[in-house]
Amino acid sequence: MRHRVSFVGVGHRATRFIDELASSKSADLVGFCDISATRMAAHNRWLVEKHGHPAVATFGADQFEEMIRSTRSNLVVVATVDSHHDEYIVRALKLGCHVVTEKPMTTDEVKCRRILESAQRCPEGRITVAFNYRWAPTNAKVKELLDSGVVGRVKSVNLEWLLDTRHGADYFRRWHSEKLQSGGLLVHKSTHHFDLVNWWTDSIPADVFASGGLRFYGDTNAVARGEGSRTRYPRYTGQDAARGDAFAIDLSANPHFRDLYLAAEPETGYIRDRNVFRPGIDIEDDLSVIVRYRSDVMLTYTLNAFSPREGMRVVFNGDRGRLEYYQFEKSHGTKSESDEGHSPSDNGDSEGRPDTEKTFIRVYPHFGSPYSVAAQAGPGGHWGGDPLMVRHLFGGNGASDALGRVAGHEQGAASILVGAAANQSLVSGRRISLSELVSLKPGARRLSELT
């Protein structure tokens, strides 16, 4: 069956889906729904200019059901602010549509339960969570190696994720800096990382303990460092005082952000370039989490959002050896056109980089010689994961996926519930069992047993 695809929410996060669909023609793109007519008009203009694709029908935020009916959509992409994902997922299922939702599937356990209950009531509709990191060739190679048993049974995982002062700072300019909207970085960002570990180890998380705080961004931290001058303007674009501020961005200088956000401000009231050292930020920027899995795998996880370099290091300790995977993509000096911090021209090639910046996989067997495994990213966003994911999810060709990269609503829940439990642990200071929040097939031990 060829999909007829419509979108609810057409901000920056929808762009990669729209571009891939328009260029690959793997499905029929038929409609946009958003609070901003300006934003939808920008996407329609880019469809025509960049892809030679006809403009699609547009609908206001109060016309979601009308969009689905009039365009005869059978698949809806949900790319709104995270806190509204559950609303549109449930509404789309009621109308008999399949759903592809941007990660995180939702932001807390209450909304998660609502989605799971709706999926039970509407089994004809399929929910897929767009975990593009699973599709990156380097991450898929790690999965292949672990599944092949090169380190035996994985017993523990250590994962450190660093966001630099370009990419990391951007979360503190946007709506993501409000926990009510995003669930904080432990949900919005870390859901990527928790899902990777769940998938790599084929494990279901059981309980979580977390510690962390807002230690760099925000006005209080800036003043304490003697940088009070950085706090004196509410946003960056058009502010003379912000010139020379290393954290400033100018929406008017980036055509993509100018058309999607700056031009849409009169309609939406949304300011995309708020000062990262303003008062009122209520999410954390430095976090540590310990996760115990039903399979007794242990994860030690850290996230830092103000690093001078960006990337991750993850190690797997197994009963037959150890696997190390490093992927450091850039320093904070890189000027990428992507606010996600992934340079469009960077295909993951490590040639010409300092040793500390290389992407590599290395296996250390017990009583054997260590060896390296080639780790090459593919073309396209998120190390080549975006185009592979979009073509598979929307192609409708029924192609099998031996690595199990397609995640349904239960696997989506397994990742966001780690972040939701961690948020509760931050407040209570105690270990939180996921079963306190949502019951995910109590008898299951492997992620692959979940939808």
Protein backbone atom coordinates (compact mmCIF):
# COMPACT_ATOMS: atom_id res chain seq x y z
CA MET A 1 0.00 0.00 0.00
CA ARG A 2 1.36 3.41 -0.95
CA HIS A 3 1.15 5.85 1.94
CA ARG A 4 -0.54 9.23 1.77
CA VAL A 5 1.39 11.24 4.35
CA SER A 6 0.36 14.38 6.20
CA PHE A 7 2.23 16.32 8.86
CA VAL A 8 1.13 17.96 12.08
CA GLY A 9 3.86 20.38 13.17
CA VAL A 10 6.18 21.65 10.43
CA GLY A 11 9.00 23.28 12.34
CA HIS A 12 12.64 22.41 11.88
CA ARG A 13 12.26 18.80 13.03
CA ALA A 14 9.80 18.05 10.23
CA THR A 15 12.21 19.28 7.56
CA ARG A 16 14.27 16.09 7.31
CA PHE A 17 11.14 13.99 6.83
CA ILE A 18 9.70 16.37 4.25
CA ASP A 19 12.95 16.63 2.29
CA GLU A 20 13.50 12.88 2.23
CA LEU A 21 9.92 12.16 1.22
CA ALA A 22 9.96 14.79 -1.53
CA SER A 23 13.28 13.64 -2.94
CA SER A 24 12.78 9.88 -2.64
CA LYS A 25 9.11 9.91 -3.65
CA SER A 26 8.69 6.84 -1.46
CA ALA A 27 5.20 8.03 -0.46
CA ASP A 28 2.70 10.74 -1.42
CA LEU A 29 3.08 13.94 0.60
CA VAL A 30 -0.42 15.45 0.83
CA GLY A 31 -0.89 17.89 3.74
CA PHE A 32 0.51 20.18 6.44
CA CYS A 33 -1.15 21.20 9.73
CA ASP A 34 0.46 23.86 11.92
CA ILE A 35 -0.29 26.92 14.05
CA SER A 36 1.61 29.06 11.52
CA ALA A 37 0.48 29.68 7.93
CA THR A 38 3.85 31.39 7.36
CA ARG A 39 5.71 28.24 8.28
CA MET A 40 3.59 26.01 6.05
CA ALA A 41 4.01 28.45 3.16
CA ALA A 42 7.80 28.27 3.59
CA HIS A 43 7.76 24.48 3.35
CA ASN A 44 5.54 24.59 0.28
CA ARG A 45 7.89 27.06 -1.38
CA TRP A 46 10.87 24.80 -0.63
CA LEU A 47 8.98 21.78 -1.98
CA VAL A 48 8.59 23.54 -5.31
CA GLU A 49 12.01 25.20 -5.47
CA LYS A 50 14.19 22.39 -4.09
CA HIS A 51 12.36 19.28 -5.20
CA GLY A 52 10.00 20.25 -8.02
CA HIS A 53 7.22 18.85 -5.85
CA PRO A 54 3.78 20.45 -6.00
CA ALA A 55 2.65 22.44 -2.97
CA VAL A 56 0.40 20.51 -0.61
CA ALA A 57 -2.82 21.50 1.14
CA THR A 58 -2.41 23.43 4.40
CA PHE A 59 -4.59 23.42 7.50
CA GLY A 60 -4.70 25.37 10.75
CA ALA A 61 -4.14 23.77 14.14
CA ASP A 62 -7.92 23.45 14.63
CA GLN A 63 -8.33 21.58 11.32
CA PHE A 64 -6.40 18.37 12.07
CA GLU A 65 -9.29 15.97 11.48
CA GLU A 66 -10.35 17.91 8.39
CA MET A 67 -6.83 17.54 6.98
CA ILE A 68 -6.87 13.77 7.38
CA ARG A 69 -10.31 13.40 5.83
CA SER A 70 -9.90 15.81 2.92
CA THR A 71 -6.41 14.60 1.94
CA ARG A 72 -7.31 10.93 2.52
CA SER A 73 -4.17 10.55 4.63
CA ASN A 74 -3.43 7.08 5.94
CA LEU A 75 -0.22 8.02 7.75
CA VAL A 76 0.39 11.05 9.97
CA VAL A 77 3.80 12.35 11.01
CA VAL A 78 3.67 14.01 14.44
CA ALA A 79 6.43 16.63 14.79
CA THR A 80 4.89 19.14 17.18
CA VAL A 81 6.25 20.33 20.50
CA ASP A 82 6.89 17.13 22.50
CA SER A 83 4.17 17.77 25.08
CA HIS A 84 1.48 17.63 22.36
CA HIS A 85 2.58 14.35 20.75
CA ASP A 86 0.11 12.26 22.72
CA GLU A 87 -2.84 14.43 21.68
CA TYR A 88 -2.21 14.01 17.96
CA ILE A 89 -1.19 10.36 18.17
CA VAL A 90 -4.49 9.51 19.85
CA ARG A 91 -6.55 11.64 17.44
CA ALA A 92 -4.85 10.09 14.40
CA LEU A 93 -5.42 6.54 15.67
CA LYS A 94 -9.11 7.26 16.20
CA LEU A 95 -9.34 8.20 12.53
CA GLY A 96 -7.75 4.91 11.48
CA CYS A 97 -4.34 6.32 10.54
CA HIS A 98 -0.89 4.92 11.11
CA VAL A 99 1.41 7.29 12.98
CA VAL A 100 5.10 8.07 12.77
CA THR A 101 6.03 10.25 15.73
CA GLU A 102 9.18 12.23 16.26
CA LYS A 103 11.02 11.10 19.34
CA PRO A 104 10.38 11.29 22.24
CA MET A 105 7.01 9.60 21.86
CA THR A 106 5.77 11.78 24.72
CA THR A 107 7.07 13.53 27.84
CA ASP A 108 5.78 11.77 30.95
CA GLU A 109 4.15 8.62 32.26
CA VAL A 110 0.59 10.00 32.25
CA LYS A 111 0.71 10.80 28.54
CA CYS A 112 2.53 7.53 27.90
CA ARG A 113 -0.31 5.55 29.47
CA ARG A 114 -2.80 7.46 27.33
CA ILE A 115 -0.95 6.47 24.15
CA LEU A 116 -0.63 2.81 25.16
CA GLU A 117 -4.33 2.60 26.05
CA SER A 118 -5.29 4.22 22.75
CA ALA A 119 -3.10 1.76 20.84
CA GLN A 120 -5.00 -1.11 22.51
CA ARG A 121 -8.36 0.40 21.57
CA CYS A 122 -7.31 1.12 17.97
CA PRO A 123 -5.20 -1.90 16.92
CA GLU A 124 -5.68 -1.17 13.22
CA GLY A 125 -3.40 1.87 13.56
CA ARG A 126 0.35 1.36 13.96
CA ILE A 127 2.55 3.75 15.96
CA THR A 128 6.21 4.00 14.96
CA VAL A 129 8.73 6.10 16.88
CA ALA A 130 11.35 7.72 14.64
CA PHE A 131 14.54 6.61 16.39
CA ASN A 132 16.90 7.68 13.62
CA TYR A 133 20.00 6.83 15.70
CA ARG A 134 19.16 3.13 15.28
CA TRP A 135 19.52 3.59 11.52
CA ALA A 136 22.96 5.25 11.52
CA PRO A 137 25.35 2.71 9.92
CA THR A 138 27.91 3.06 12.73
CA ASN A 139 25.30 2.36 15.41
CA ALA A 140 23.94 -0.54 13.36
CA LYS A 141 27.47 -2.00 13.16
CA VAL A 142 27.70 -1.97 16.97
CA LYS A 143 24.36 -3.81 17.13
CA GLU A 144 25.60 -6.42 14.64
CA LEU A 145 28.76 -6.99 16.67
CA LEU A 146 26.95 -7.34 19.99
CA ASP A 147 24.37 -9.69 18.48
CA SER A 148 27.18 -11.84 17.08
CA GLY A 149 28.53 -12.38 20.59
CA VAL A 150 31.99 -10.82 20.19
CA VAL A 151 31.96 -9.82 23.87
CA GLY A 152 29.61 -12.55 25.07
CA ARG A 153 26.67 -11.50 27.21
CA VAL A 154 26.76 -7.76 27.96
CA LYS A 155 26.80 -7.16 31.71
CA SER A 156 27.29 -3.40 31.94
CA VAL A 157 27.33 -0.32 29.71
CA ASN A 158 28.94 3.06 30.29
CA LEU A 159 27.71 5.85 28.01
CA GLU A 160 28.93 9.45 28.09
CA TRP A 161 27.23 11.95 25.77
CA LEU A 162 28.67 15.42 25.31
CA LEU A 163 26.82 18.34 23.74
CA ASP A 164 29.04 21.26 22.85
CA THR A 165 28.43 24.95 23.49
CA ARG A 166 26.86 25.32 20.04
CA HIS A 167 24.48 22.38 19.88
CA GLY A 168 23.98 22.01 23.64
CA ALA A 169 23.30 25.71 24.08
CA ASP A 170 20.57 25.59 21.47
CA TYR A 171 18.29 23.56 23.72
CA PHE A 172 18.37 26.44 26.17
CA ARG A 173 17.27 28.99 23.56
CA ARG A 174 14.19 27.01 22.55
CA TRP A 175 11.02 25.59 24.07
CA HIS A 176 13.10 22.59 25.11
CA SER A 177 14.33 24.65 28.07
CA GLU A 178 10.86 24.34 29.66
CA LYS A 179 10.38 20.96 31.30
CA LEU A 180 6.62 21.10 30.86
CA GLN A 181 7.10 21.25 27.09
CA SER A 182 10.00 18.81 26.61
CA GLY A 183 10.43 16.72 29.74
CA GLY A 184 13.92 18.22 29.97
CA LEU A 185 17.00 16.78 28.31
CA LEU A 186 16.49 13.48 30.16
CA VAL A 187 13.40 12.92 28.00
CA HIS A 188 13.89 15.00 24.87
CA LYS A 189 17.56 14.27 24.22
CA SER A 190 18.44 11.25 26.33
CA THR A 191 15.56 9.22 24.93
CA HIS A 192 17.85 8.74 21.90
CA HIS A 193 20.60 7.34 24.11
CA PHE A 194 18.40 5.22 26.36
CA ASP A 195 16.77 3.73 23.29
CA LEU A 196 20.16 2.90 21.79
CA VAL A 197 21.20 1.00 24.91
CA ASN A 198 17.81 -0.74 25.13
CA TRP A 199 18.15 -1.78 21.47
CA TRP A 200 21.88 -2.61 21.50
CA THR A 201 21.46 -4.92 24.51
CA ASP A 202 17.89 -6.06 23.71
CA SER A 203 16.91 -5.16 27.27
CA ILE A 204 13.96 -3.60 29.09
CA PRO A 205 14.78 -1.02 31.79
CA ALA A 206 13.60 -1.82 35.32
CA ASP A 207 14.61 0.99 37.67
CA VAL A 208 16.44 4.30 37.60
CA PHE A 209 18.39 6.60 39.89
CA ALA A 210 19.45 10.08 38.76
CA SER A 211 21.37 13.12 39.94
CA GLY A 212 22.02 16.44 38.25
CA GLY A 213 21.17 20.09 37.93
CA LEU A 214 21.39 23.35 36.00
CA ARG A 215 25.06 24.17 36.47
CA PHE A 216 26.12 26.31 33.50
CA TYR A 217 23.18 27.94 31.68
CA GLY A 218 20.70 30.33 33.31
CA ASP A 219 21.23 33.79 34.78
CA THR A 220 22.35 32.65 38.25
CA ASN A 221 25.23 30.59 36.88
CA ALA A 222 26.37 33.35 34.53
CA VAL A 223 26.42 35.93 37.31
CA ALA A 224 28.32 33.55 39.61
CA ARG A 225 31.03 33.22 36.94
CA GLY A 226 31.31 36.99 36.61
CA GLU A 227 29.48 36.99 33.25
CA GLY A 228 26.49 39.09 34.27
CA SER A 229 26.78 41.13 31.08
CA ARG A 230 25.56 38.09 29.12
CA THR A 231 22.22 38.19 30.94
CA ARG A 232 21.14 41.70 29.91
CA TYR A 233 19.18 40.96 26.74
CA PRO A 234 16.20 38.60 26.46
CA ARG A 235 17.08 37.30 22.99
CA TYR A 236 19.92 37.55 20.44
CA THR A 237 18.54 38.60 17.05
CA GLY A 238 18.51 42.36 16.59
CA GLN A 239 20.24 43.04 19.92
CA ASP A 240 23.27 45.31 19.55
CA ALA A 241 24.44 44.34 23.04
CA ALA A 242 24.63 40.69 21.96
CA ARG A 243 27.21 41.32 19.25
CA GLY A 244 30.34 39.41 20.07
CA ASP A 245 28.52 37.05 22.42
CA ALA A 246 29.74 33.55 21.52
CA PHE A 247 26.33 32.14 22.44
CA ALA A 248 24.36 34.47 20.17
CA ILE A 249 22.59 33.37 17.01
CA ASP A 250 20.99 35.63 14.42
CA LEU A 251 17.79 34.20 13.00
CA SER A 252 17.74 36.80 10.23
CA ALA A 253 21.10 35.53 8.93
CA ASN A 254 19.87 31.96 8.41
CA PRO A 255 17.20 31.73 5.69
CA HIS A 256 15.81 28.50 7.11
CA PHE A 257 15.32 29.89 10.63
CA ARG A 258 14.23 33.27 9.31
CA ASP A 259 11.36 31.76 7.34
CA LEU A 260 10.30 29.13 9.88
CA TYR A 261 10.61 31.16 13.07
CA LEU A 262 11.43 34.86 12.78
CA ALA A 263 8.78 35.54 10.12
CA ALA A 264 6.25 33.47 12.05
CA GLU A 265 6.64 35.29 15.37
CA PRO A 266 3.56 37.53 14.89
CA GLU A 267 1.41 34.38 14.50
CA THR A 268 3.00 32.14 17.10
CA GLY A 269 4.62 34.39 19.71
CA TYR A 270 7.45 31.86 19.80
CA ILE A 271 10.97 33.29 20.21
CA ARG A 272 13.48 30.78 18.82
CA ASP A 273 16.64 32.61 19.97
CA ARG A 274 16.11 33.34 23.67
CA ASN A 275 19.16 34.13 25.78
CA VAL A 276 20.60 30.96 27.29
CA PHE A 277 21.52 32.96 30.40
CA ARG A 278 18.03 34.30 31.10
CA PRO A 279 16.01 33.53 34.24
CA GLY A 280 13.31 30.89 34.24
CA ILE A 281 15.11 27.92 32.68
CA ASP A 282 13.95 24.82 34.59
CA ILE A 283 15.78 21.93 32.90
CA GLU A 284 19.15 20.45 33.82
CA ASP A 285 22.38 20.68 31.81
CA ASP A 286 24.60 18.19 33.69
CA LEU A 287 23.19 14.76 34.53
CA SER A 288 24.13 11.29 35.73
CA VAL A 289 21.81 8.27 35.62
CA ILE A 290 22.09 4.63 36.69
CA VAL A 291 19.69 2.19 35.05
CA ARG A 292 19.18 -1.45 36.03
CA TYR A 293 17.54 -3.67 33.42
CA ARG A 294 15.28 -6.68 33.80
CA SER A 295 18.08 -8.72 32.23
CA ASP A 296 20.42 -7.43 35.01
CA VAL A 297 22.43 -5.31 32.56
CA MET A 298 23.56 -2.10 34.26
CA LEU A 299 23.86 1.27 32.51
CA THR A 300 25.90 4.18 33.84
CA TYR A 301 24.98 7.28 31.82
CA THR A 302 26.13 10.89 31.82
CA LEU A 303 25.01 13.89 29.76
CA ASN A 304 26.77 17.23 29.68
CA ALA A 305 25.36 20.11 27.60
CA PHE A 306 28.20 22.65 27.89
CA SER A 307 31.22 20.75 26.64
CA PRO A 308 33.93 22.20 24.36
CA ARG A 309 33.56 19.11 22.16
CA GLU A 310 30.66 16.98 21.00
CA GLY A 311 30.10 13.28 20.68
CA MET A 312 29.85 10.10 22.68
CA ARG A 313 31.88 7.31 24.10
CA VAL A 314 30.18 4.06 25.02
CA VAL A 315 31.72 0.85 26.30
CA PHE A 316 30.14 -2.58 26.70
CA ASN A 317 31.57 -4.98 29.25
CA GLY A 318 30.69 -8.58 28.45
CA ASP A 319 31.58 -11.94 29.93
CA ARG A 320 33.93 -12.58 26.96
CA GLY A 321 35.43 -9.14 26.47
CA ARG A 322 34.84 -5.44 25.98
CA LEU A 323 33.71 -3.27 23.06
CA GLU A 324 34.52 0.46 22.89
CA TYR A 325 32.75 2.82 20.51
CA TYR A 326 33.77 6.47 20.23
CA GLN A 327 32.11 9.03 17.99
CA PHE A 328 33.31 12.60 18.42
CA GLU A 329 32.03 14.62 15.55
CA LYS A 330 33.33 18.14 16.03
CA SER A 331 34.56 20.81 18.38
CA HIS A 332 32.47 23.78 19.43
CA GLY A 333 34.24 25.92 16.87
CA THR A 334 32.57 24.19 13.92
CA LYS A 335 30.01 26.40 12.21
CA SER A 336 27.41 23.96 10.95
CA GLU A 337 24.23 24.95 9.16
CA SER A 338 22.34 22.41 11.24
CA ASP A 339 21.11 23.39 14.68
CA GLU A 340 21.25 19.72 15.60
CA GLY A 341 25.02 19.96 15.59
CA HIS A 342 25.55 17.53 12.73
CA SER A 343 27.32 19.19 9.85
CA PRO A 344 25.67 18.33 6.51
CA SER A 345 29.10 17.96 4.90
CA ASP A 346 30.41 15.63 7.60
CA ASN A 347 29.85 12.04 6.52
CA GLY A 348 31.65 10.60 9.52
CA ASP A 349 35.02 10.19 7.81
CA SER A 350 37.77 10.38 10.40
CA GLU A 351 40.54 11.21 7.94
CA GLY A 352 42.33 14.42 8.77
CA ARG A 353 40.97 14.67 12.29
CA PRO A 354 43.04 14.58 15.46
CA ASP A 355 43.15 11.15 17.07
CA THR A 356 40.76 12.27 19.79
CA GLU A 357 38.12 13.20 17.19
CA LYS A 358 37.97 9.90 15.32
CA THR A 359 35.00 7.60 15.17
CA PHE A 360 36.04 4.05 15.91
CA ILE A 361 34.92 0.68 17.21
CA ARG A 362 37.44 -1.51 18.99
CA VAL A 363 36.94 -4.99 20.42
CA TYR A 364 39.01 -6.35 23.32
CA PRO A 365 38.42 -10.12 23.66
CA HIS A 366 39.35 -11.92 26.84
CA PHE A 367 42.79 -13.53 26.38
CA GLY A 368 42.95 -12.36 22.76
CA SER A 369 44.38 -9.54 20.71
CA PRO A 370 42.28 -6.39 20.43
CA TYR A 371 41.13 -5.39 16.96
CA SER A 372 39.36 -2.49 15.27
CA VAL A 373 36.17 -2.65 13.22
CA ALA A 374 35.51 -0.18 10.40
CA ALA A 375 33.00 2.49 11.41
CA GLN A 376 31.82 4.59 8.49
CA ALA A 377 28.76 6.84 8.59
CA GLY A 378 26.56 7.22 5.54
CA PRO A 379 25.39 10.28 3.63
CA GLY A 380 22.54 12.34 5.05
CA GLY A 381 21.54 13.59 8.49
CA HIS A 382 22.39 11.88 11.75
CA TRP A 383 25.35 9.98 10.29
CA GLY A 384 23.26 8.57 7.46
CA GLY A 385 20.39 7.40 9.63
CA ASP A 386 17.75 9.86 8.39
CA PRO A 387 17.44 8.79 4.75
CA LEU A 388 17.59 5.07 5.60
CA MET A 389 14.87 5.44 8.21
CA VAL A 390 12.54 7.57 6.11
CA ARG A 391 12.76 5.28 3.10
CA HIS A 392 12.07 2.22 5.21
CA LEU A 393 9.20 3.72 7.20
CA PHE A 394 7.39 5.31 4.28
CA GLY A 395 8.36 3.04 1.41
CA GLY A 396 5.58 0.58 2.10
CA ASN A 397 7.54 -2.23 0.44
CA GLY A 398 7.42 -4.57 3.42
CA ALA A 399 11.20 -4.97 3.47
CA SER A 400 12.43 -6.94 6.44
CA ASP A 401 14.80 -5.45 8.98
CA ALA A 402 17.03 -8.07 10.57
CA LEU A 403 18.32 -5.59 13.17
CA GLY A 404 14.87 -4.71 14.49
CA ARG A 405 15.28 -0.97 13.96
CA VAL A 406 11.57 -0.18 13.68
CA ALA A 407 10.26 0.79 17.13
CA GLY A 408 6.60 0.66 18.08
CA HIS A 409 4.76 2.34 20.95
CA GLU A 410 5.94 -0.09 23.64
CA GLN A 411 9.60 0.31 22.68
CA GLY A 412 9.01 4.05 22.49
CA ALA A 413 7.65 3.91 26.02
CA ALA A 414 10.67 1.93 27.23
CA SER A 415 12.97 4.82 26.35
CA ILE A 416 10.93 7.81 27.53
CA LEU A 417 10.05 6.10 30.82
CA VAL A 418 13.74 6.00 31.73
CA GLY A 419 13.79 9.79 31.39
CA ALA A 420 10.47 10.20 33.19
CA ALA A 421 11.69 8.00 36.07
CA ALA A 422 14.98 9.91 36.16
CA ASN A 423 13.05 13.19 36.44
CA GLN A 424 11.15 11.77 39.41
CA SER A 425 14.39 10.55 40.96
CA LEU A 426 15.88 14.03 40.69
CA VAL A 427 13.00 15.37 42.77
CA SER A 428 12.64 12.54 45.29
CA GLY A 429 16.28 11.48 45.64
CA ARG A 430 15.28 7.83 45.47
CA ARG A 431 15.47 4.99 42.96
CA ILE A 432 12.33 4.83 40.79
CA SER A 433 10.94 1.60 39.40
CA LEU A 434 9.43 1.93 35.93
CA SER A 435 6.62 -0.36 37.06
CA GLU A 436 5.50 2.47 39.37
CA LEU A 437 4.87 4.57 36.27
CA VAL A 438 3.66 2.24 33.50
CA SER A 439 3.34 -1.54 33.27
CA LEU A 440 5.25 -2.78 30.21
CA LYS A 441 4.57 -6.52 29.73
CA PRO A 442 5.70 -7.55 33.23
CA GLY A 443 6.86 -11.01 32.13
CA ALA A 444 9.06 -9.78 29.27
CA ARG A 445 12.83 -9.43 29.65
CA ARG A 446 13.91 -8.45 26.13
CA LEU A 447 13.11 -5.28 24.22
CA SER A 448 12.35 -7.38 21.16
CA GLU A 449 9.38 -8.84 23.08
CA LEU A 450 7.76 -5.38 23.03
CA THR A 451 5.89 -3.89 20.10
